[in-house]
Amino acid sequence: MADPISGVGGRGPQALRLTEAENKKSAEATRNTGSESAPAGAQDSVELSEGVKSASTEAVFDADRVAELRQAIADGQYPLDAKRIAESFASIERLL
């Protein structure tokens, strides 16, 4: 490819503009013909493995435990271990 300022490579700025215009036209033509050649009604599909299917249907959700935790947080009774929190931050910092 030629340098657009100096024209190094045997092509001047005008030749480069013509080439760019031709490339743009061919890209538009490709886009237009590409959409016409796709079969009508063709759609992508995804098939989940049995493991994923069973995990999504058998997900365990303990609504009582969630309500318990929400209440403890709201009452200010949820126990926090400052040392454990600090250790978690330290391990995260080491990953960075």
C-alpha atoms as a PDB file:
ATOM      1  CA  MET A   1       0.000   0.000   0.000  1.00  0.00           C
ATOM      2  CA  ALA A   2       1.281   3.438  -0.868  1.00  0.00           C
ATOM      3  CA  ASP A   3       1.854   6.261   1.575  1.00  0.00           C
ATOM      4  CA  PRO A   4      -1.044   8.689   0.903  1.00  0.00           C
ATOM      5  CA  ILE A   5       1.145  11.767   1.423  1.00  0.00           C
ATOM      6  CA  SER A   6       4.301  10.928  -0.467  1.00  0.00           C
ATOM      7  CA  GLY A   7       2.825   8.478  -2.947  1.00  0.00           C
ATOM      8  CA  VAL A   8       5.637   6.009  -2.242  1.00  0.00           C
ATOM      9  CA  GLY A   9       4.951   2.735  -3.931  1.00  0.00           C
ATOM     10  CA  GLY A  10       4.107   4.096  -7.360  1.00  0.00           C
ATOM     11  CA  ARG A  11       0.628   5.350  -6.554  1.00  0.00           C
ATOM     12  CA  GLY A  12      -0.299   8.930  -5.995  1.00  0.00           C
ATOM     13  CA  PRO A  13      -3.062  10.288  -3.757  1.00  0.00           C
ATOM     14  CA  GLN A  14      -5.598  10.322  -6.602  1.00  0.00           C
ATOM     15  CA  ALA A  15      -4.996   6.644  -7.365  1.00  0.00           C
ATOM     16  CA  LEU A  16      -5.487   5.842  -3.707  1.00  0.00           C
ATOM     17  CA  ARG A  17      -8.810   7.677  -3.641  1.00  0.00           C
ATOM     18  CA  LEU A  18      -9.972   5.721  -6.680  1.00  0.00           C
ATOM     19  CA  THR A  19      -8.928   2.442  -5.071  1.00  0.00           C
ATOM     20  CA  GLU A  20     -10.760   3.349  -1.853  1.00  0.00           C
ATOM     21  CA  ALA A  21     -13.907   4.190  -3.844  1.00  0.00           C
ATOM     22  CA  GLU A  22     -13.700   0.871  -5.711  1.00  0.00           C
ATOM     23  CA  ASN A  23     -13.243  -1.033  -2.446  1.00  0.00           C
ATOM     24  CA  LYS A  24     -16.262   0.725  -0.962  1.00  0.00           C
ATOM     25  CA  LYS A  25     -18.409  -0.150  -3.981  1.00  0.00           C
ATOM     26  CA  SER A  26     -17.370  -3.799  -3.929  1.00  0.00           C
ATOM     27  CA  ALA A  27     -18.057  -4.012  -0.173  1.00  0.00           C
ATOM     28  CA  GLU A  28     -21.557  -2.619  -0.710  1.00  0.00           C
ATOM     29  CA  ALA A  29     -22.163  -5.061  -3.547  1.00  0.00           C
ATOM     30  CA  THR A  30     -20.987  -7.958  -1.391  1.00  0.00           C
ATOM     31  CA  ARG A  31     -23.294  -6.898   1.437  1.00  0.00           C
ATOM     32  CA  ASN A  32     -26.249  -6.654  -0.934  1.00  0.00           C
ATOM     33  CA  THR A  33     -25.674 -10.015  -2.594  1.00  0.00           C
ATOM     34  CA  GLY A  34     -24.835 -11.706   0.724  1.00  0.00           C
ATOM     35  CA  SER A  35     -28.214 -10.882   2.215  1.00  0.00           C
ATOM     36  CA  GLU A  36     -30.058 -12.067  -0.868  1.00  0.00           C
ATOM     37  CA  SER A  37     -28.257 -15.418  -1.008  1.00  0.00           C
ATOM     38  CA  ALA A  38     -29.186 -16.403   2.573  1.00  0.00           C
ATOM     39  CA  PRO A  39     -32.103 -18.833   2.646  1.00  0.00           C
ATOM     40  CA  ALA A  40     -35.365 -17.304   3.798  1.00  0.00           C
ATOM     41  CA  GLY A  41     -36.373 -18.255   7.309  1.00  0.00           C
ATOM     42  CA  ALA A  42     -32.907 -19.579   8.248  1.00  0.00           C
ATOM     43  CA  GLN A  43     -32.295 -19.222  11.969  1.00  0.00           C
ATOM     44  CA  ASP A  44     -29.539 -20.139  14.382  1.00  0.00           C
ATOM     45  CA  SER A  45     -30.296 -22.643  17.083  1.00  0.00           C
ATOM     46  CA  VAL A  46     -28.678 -23.744  20.309  1.00  0.00           C
ATOM     47  CA  GLU A  47     -28.953 -27.160  21.898  1.00  0.00           C
ATOM     48  CA  LEU A  48     -28.151 -27.446  25.601  1.00  0.00           C
ATOM     49  CA  SER A  49     -26.392 -30.459  27.047  1.00  0.00           C
ATOM     50  CA  GLU A  50     -28.192 -32.683  29.537  1.00  0.00           C
ATOM     51  CA  GLY A  51     -26.033 -31.352  32.372  1.00  0.00           C
ATOM     52  CA  VAL A  52     -27.030 -27.767  31.691  1.00  0.00           C
ATOM     53  CA  LYS A  53     -30.685 -28.701  31.321  1.00  0.00           C
ATOM     54  CA  SER A  54     -30.740 -30.565  34.633  1.00  0.00           C
ATOM     55  CA  ALA A  55     -28.819 -27.801  36.438  1.00  0.00           C
ATOM     56  CA  SER A  56     -31.315 -25.180  35.339  1.00  0.00           C
ATOM     57  CA  THR A  57     -34.371 -27.252  36.252  1.00  0.00           C
ATOM     58  CA  GLU A  58     -33.004 -28.639  39.518  1.00  0.00           C
ATOM     59  CA  ALA A  59     -31.590 -25.386  40.917  1.00  0.00           C
ATOM     60  CA  VAL A  60     -31.958 -25.340  44.680  1.00  0.00           C
ATOM     61  CA  PHE A  61     -33.356 -22.147  46.168  1.00  0.00           C
ATOM     62  CA  ASP A  62     -33.959 -21.925  49.898  1.00  0.00           C
ATOM     63  CA  ALA A  63     -36.472 -19.097  50.211  1.00  0.00           C
ATOM     64  CA  ASP A  64     -36.576 -19.425  54.004  1.00  0.00           C
ATOM     65  CA  ARG A  65     -32.801 -18.984  54.290  1.00  0.00           C
ATOM     66  CA  VAL A  66     -32.884 -15.933  52.007  1.00  0.00           C
ATOM     67  CA  ALA A  67     -35.654 -14.361  54.113  1.00  0.00           C
ATOM     68  CA  GLU A  68     -33.641 -15.133  57.251  1.00  0.00           C
ATOM     69  CA  LEU A  69     -30.529 -13.439  55.861  1.00  0.00           C
ATOM     70  CA  ARG A  70     -32.485 -10.408  54.667  1.00  0.00           C
ATOM     71  CA  GLN A  71     -33.996  -9.959  58.100  1.00  0.00           C
ATOM     72  CA  ALA A  72     -30.615 -10.320  59.843  1.00  0.00           C
ATOM     73  CA  ILE A  73     -29.079  -7.690  57.535  1.00  0.00           C
ATOM     74  CA  ALA A  74     -32.027  -5.326  58.058  1.00  0.00           C
ATOM     75  CA  ASP A  75     -31.785  -5.734  61.855  1.00  0.00           C
ATOM     76  CA  GLY A  76     -28.011  -5.241  61.834  1.00  0.00           C
ATOM     77  CA  GLN A  77     -27.500  -8.732  63.228  1.00  0.00           C
ATOM     78  CA  TYR A  78     -25.617 -10.273  60.294  1.00  0.00           C
ATOM     79  CA  PRO A  79     -22.160 -11.277  61.556  1.00  0.00           C
ATOM     80  CA  LEU A  80     -19.187  -9.790  59.749  1.00  0.00           C
ATOM     81  CA  ASP A  81     -15.663 -11.096  60.229  1.00  0.00           C
ATOM     82  CA  ALA A  82     -13.286  -8.205  59.515  1.00  0.00           C
ATOM     83  CA  LYS A  83     -10.255 -10.515  59.324  1.00  0.00           C
ATOM     84  CA  ARG A  84     -11.911 -12.772  56.772  1.00  0.00           C
ATOM     85  CA  ILE A  85     -12.978  -9.766  54.676  1.00  0.00           C
ATOM     86  CA  ALA A  86      -9.422  -8.379  54.758  1.00  0.00           C
ATOM     87  CA  GLU A  87      -7.991 -11.741  53.708  1.00  0.00           C
ATOM     88  CA  SER A  88     -10.392 -11.831  50.769  1.00  0.00           C
ATOM     89  CA  PHE A  89      -9.278  -8.389  49.651  1.00  0.00           C
ATOM     90  CA  ALA A  90      -5.638  -9.441  49.987  1.00  0.00           C
ATOM     91  CA  SER A  91      -6.162 -12.479  47.787  1.00  0.00           C
ATOM     92  CA  ILE A  92      -7.921 -10.358  45.179  1.00  0.00           C
ATOM     93  CA  GLU A  93      -5.032  -7.856  45.232  1.00  0.00           C
ATOM     94  CA  ARG A  94      -2.550 -10.658  44.584  1.00  0.00           C
ATOM     95  CA  LEU A  95      -4.461 -11.588  41.424  1.00  0.00           C
ATOM     96  CA  LEU A  96      -3.993  -8.096  40.038  1.00  0.00           C
END
